[in-house]
């Protein structure tokens, strides 16, 4: 998603933003960590800030700016980022049961990731383009 001359690695749909506003009203400030698999598949996990601790092996992909709530930081493990570094992620929401300890679990909705490959301009911006 392009935003005033800069490129972002992560974005949010209007539907997901609406759910995040509702969840922030219940839980306060939120953050995401992209799950790497296992029990929860590869679901984006949403937590109240402070309930999931990131470490030096986590990469901050970006910050979701949603009107009416605190910015939401989005993280992924460094090892997973190596597989996904050429990909743009969009947080969306669909009907279903949320994963594990993610705060949307009781709502009857779950967050999912929609992805696409970075375009040439984004690749260049993130230093991933071909070298001359």
Protein backbone atom coordinates (compact mmCIF):
# COMPACT_ATOMS: atom_id res chain seq x y z
CA UNK A 1 0.00 0.00 0.00
CA UNK A 2 1.42 3.35 -1.00
CA UNK A 3 1.14 6.17 1.50
CA UNK A 4 2.40 9.67 0.62
CA UNK A 5 5.61 8.73 -1.14
CA UNK A 6 6.51 5.77 1.04
CA UNK A 7 5.75 2.09 0.81
CA UNK A 8 4.43 -0.13 3.58
CA UNK A 9 4.83 -3.89 4.08
CA UNK A 10 1.50 -4.32 5.88
CA UNK A 11 -1.99 -2.86 5.50
CA UNK A 12 -5.49 -3.47 6.88
CA UNK A 13 -8.90 -3.79 5.22
CA UNK A 14 -11.82 -1.61 6.32
CA UNK A 15 -13.57 -4.69 7.77
CA UNK A 16 -10.52 -5.64 9.84
CA UNK A 17 -10.10 -2.02 10.97
CA UNK A 18 -13.71 -2.00 12.24
CA UNK A 19 -13.10 -5.17 14.27
CA UNK A 20 -9.84 -3.75 15.62
CA UNK A 21 -11.67 -0.62 16.81
CA UNK A 22 -14.16 -2.83 18.65
CA UNK A 23 -11.38 -4.95 20.18
CA UNK A 24 -9.34 -1.90 21.20
CA UNK A 25 -12.41 -0.59 23.03
CA UNK A 26 -12.48 -3.83 25.04
CA UNK A 27 -8.75 -4.55 25.47
CA UNK A 28 -6.91 -1.25 25.02
CA UNK A 29 -3.87 -0.88 22.76
CA UNK A 30 -3.23 -3.87 20.47
CA UNK A 31 -0.37 -5.46 18.53
CA UNK A 32 -0.01 -8.26 15.95
CA UNK A 33 2.48 -11.08 15.64
CA UNK A 34 2.32 -13.17 12.48
CA UNK A 35 2.24 -16.79 13.58
CA UNK A 36 4.71 -19.09 11.86
CA UNK A 37 2.54 -22.17 11.85
CA UNK A 38 2.06 -25.12 14.19
CA UNK A 39 -1.23 -25.12 16.10
CA UNK A 40 -2.59 -21.88 14.68
CA UNK A 41 -1.46 -22.31 11.08
CA UNK A 42 -0.10 -19.01 9.85
CA UNK A 43 -2.72 -16.75 11.37
CA UNK A 44 -1.99 -13.16 12.41
CA UNK A 45 -2.30 -13.18 16.19
CA UNK A 46 -3.69 -10.05 17.85
CA UNK A 47 -2.84 -9.33 21.48
CA UNK A 48 -3.25 -6.50 23.97
CA UNK A 49 0.08 -4.66 24.15
CA UNK A 50 2.22 -6.34 26.81
CA UNK A 51 0.55 -9.77 26.56
CA UNK A 52 3.00 -11.03 23.92
CA UNK A 53 6.62 -10.08 24.27
CA UNK A 54 8.66 -9.61 21.14
CA UNK A 55 12.39 -10.25 21.17
CA UNK A 56 15.52 -9.46 19.21
CA UNK A 57 14.63 -12.15 16.66
CA UNK A 58 11.35 -10.41 15.73
CA UNK A 59 11.05 -7.97 12.83
CA UNK A 60 8.62 -5.05 12.99
CA UNK A 61 6.98 -5.07 9.55
CA UNK A 62 5.06 -1.89 10.12
CA UNK A 63 2.45 0.02 12.03
CA UNK A 64 -1.24 -0.07 11.20
CA UNK A 65 -2.72 3.42 11.49
CA UNK A 66 -6.46 3.13 12.13
CA UNK A 67 -8.62 6.16 12.89
CA UNK A 68 -9.87 6.30 16.46
CA UNK A 69 -7.38 3.89 18.09
CA UNK A 70 -3.70 3.70 19.00
CA UNK A 71 -1.36 2.60 16.19
CA UNK A 72 -0.97 -1.19 16.02
CA UNK A 73 2.55 -2.59 15.56
CA UNK A 74 2.87 -5.71 13.41
CA UNK A 75 5.72 -8.20 14.02
CA UNK A 76 7.04 -11.44 12.53
CA UNK A 77 9.96 -13.68 13.49
CA UNK A 78 13.21 -13.04 11.60
CA UNK A 79 13.34 -16.60 10.27
CA UNK A 80 9.79 -16.33 8.87
CA UNK A 81 10.55 -12.87 7.47
CA UNK A 82 13.30 -14.43 5.33
CA UNK A 83 10.57 -16.41 3.53
CA UNK A 84 8.11 -13.51 3.32
CA UNK A 85 10.38 -10.51 2.70
CA UNK A 86 9.22 -10.15 -0.93
CA UNK A 87 5.57 -10.09 0.13
CA UNK A 88 3.10 -7.36 1.09
CA UNK A 89 0.59 -8.42 3.75
CA UNK A 90 -2.96 -7.19 4.30
CA UNK A 91 -4.82 -8.01 7.51
CA UNK A 92 -8.40 -8.99 6.73
CA UNK A 93 -11.22 -10.63 8.68
CA UNK A 94 -13.58 -13.51 7.82
CA UNK A 95 -16.28 -15.42 9.70
CA UNK A 96 -14.89 -18.19 11.88
CA UNK A 97 -13.22 -18.92 15.17
CA UNK A 98 -10.10 -16.91 15.93
CA UNK A 99 -6.85 -18.73 16.59
CA UNK A 100 -5.38 -19.60 19.98
CA UNK A 101 -5.07 -16.63 22.29
CA UNK A 102 -5.79 -13.99 19.65
CA UNK A 103 -8.30 -11.47 21.03
CA UNK A 104 -10.84 -11.90 18.24
CA UNK A 105 -11.47 -15.56 19.18
CA UNK A 106 -14.82 -15.02 20.94
CA UNK A 107 -16.25 -12.68 18.27
CA UNK A 108 -17.15 -15.31 15.65
CA UNK A 109 -14.61 -13.70 13.31
CA UNK A 110 -10.94 -14.37 12.66
CA UNK A 111 -8.09 -12.39 11.21
CA UNK A 112 -6.40 -13.71 8.09
CA UNK A 113 -3.55 -12.50 5.92
CA UNK A 114 -3.97 -11.75 2.25
CA UNK A 115 -0.67 -11.42 0.46
CA UNK A 116 0.81 -10.33 -2.82
CA UNK A 117 4.32 -10.04 -4.17
CA UNK A 118 5.97 -6.64 -3.84
CA UNK A 119 6.01 -4.66 -7.08
CA UNK A 120 9.22 -3.31 -8.65
CA UNK A 121 8.99 0.09 -6.94
CA UNK A 122 8.43 -1.54 -3.55
CA UNK A 123 11.32 -3.96 -4.10
CA UNK A 124 13.60 -1.04 -4.86
CA UNK A 125 12.31 0.96 -1.86
CA UNK A 126 12.99 -1.95 0.53
CA UNK A 127 16.43 -2.64 -0.97
CA UNK A 128 15.35 -5.93 -2.52
CA UNK A 129 15.60 -5.00 -6.19
CA UNK A 130 18.19 -6.39 -8.59
CA UNK A 131 21.69 -5.04 -8.18
CA UNK A 132 23.23 -3.23 -11.13
